Amino acid sequence: MYIGFELKKIDKTFFDNFNYYLNIGNKTLRKNKGTIQDTLDKFINDNGSFAGDKMQSNWFPQINADIFLSHSHADKDLVIAFGGWLKEEFGLECFIDSCIWGYSENLQKLLDNNYSLDEDGKLIYRKVLEVSSHVHMMLNTALMQMIDNCECVIFINTPKSVRPRDVINKIVSPWIYSEIGMTKLIKKKTIDEYRIQKLYESKKEFSDLSIEYNLDTNHLTSLTINDLNHWEKIYPKKTGMISLRDYTKVNQKTSNKKYLRTALDYLYEFKSSQII
C-alpha cells in the first residue's frame, strides 16, 4: 500500500449511467472469482488434517489489482459500479472486498457439515466456533495480503458503513474495522515497489448483535466527488490508458528516464498537498 483515501458522499447520482458501470464492474468480479469447491478432499493432508494454506488460496484468491475498495456489504452494487467506472475511465483494476466475503459462509458450511455435526446431525457449538475461527483467520489474512499488494486503498464511507457521532464515528462491521486498522499498520511502500515489481464483511445482519467500534480514518486522505470529477477531467484518456500491470513492461522499452504516467499518478499529483 502506497496511500489510502476516504471517499464520502458518493451515491448513484455520481454516475451518468449507473447500470452501464455496474455491468462492467460485475464482469470484472466474475473474472476474478475463485473456484468454489464442493468437496474438501483435495485439501486433506496425509495425516488427515486440512491444508489451510491451500484452502485459503483456493477460496480467497489473490488477484492482480491496483486499488483495494473497502466498503459495507449494503453498498455492494454502488461499489461494484464505482469499480466499473475506475476500470472504464482509467483502466484501473479494483479488488472489491465483498467479492470474497461470501466465500467464507460457503467454506464455513462445508467444514461444519464435515466436522461440526453430532450423530443426530445437529451442530456442536464448540466445533462451530473452532471452524469459524479458522475461516475468519484465512479471510483476514487474505484481506491483509491484498491491502499490502494494492498500491491504493479507497474506503467508501457512507451512512450504511459508518454511524456518525458527535466526536468519533462508529462502525458495526468488524471487517471494515479490521481493514481500516490494517491500513494504519501495514508498512507503506514506495510507488516504485509497485510499479517495478509487479485482504468480507459478514452478510449477517446485526439486528440481534450490534457491536460498535471506534473508527479512526485520520490517516486516510480525503477524496471527494469533486476530486473524482477533476481526476476524470485532467486525465488524458484520448492518449491511451496504461494500466499498472503494463507499466513496467512499457517503461522497460523506453531508453530515457522519463517514465510514462498512469491514471493514479494524476490523482496523486493534484492531491499531493494532502499526502503525508
Foldseek 3Di string as FASTA:
>chain_A
DAAEEEEEDDDQVLDPDLVVLLVQLVVLLVVPAADQDPAQVVQADPVGDGNLVVVLCRLFNADQFAEEEAEDPVCVSVVSSVQSCCCVLFVGHYDDLASRQVSLVVQLVNVQQVPQADPVRDGDVVVSVVSNVSSVVSQLVAALVNVLQHLYYYYHDYCNAWPDDPPFIKGQFPVSQSNLVSVVVDDHDDVCVPLQDHHHRHPDDCPPPGDIDGHDPVRHHYDYSVLVVVLSVPDPPVVPADYSVCQNVVQVPDPDPDGDDGSVVSSCVVSVVRHD
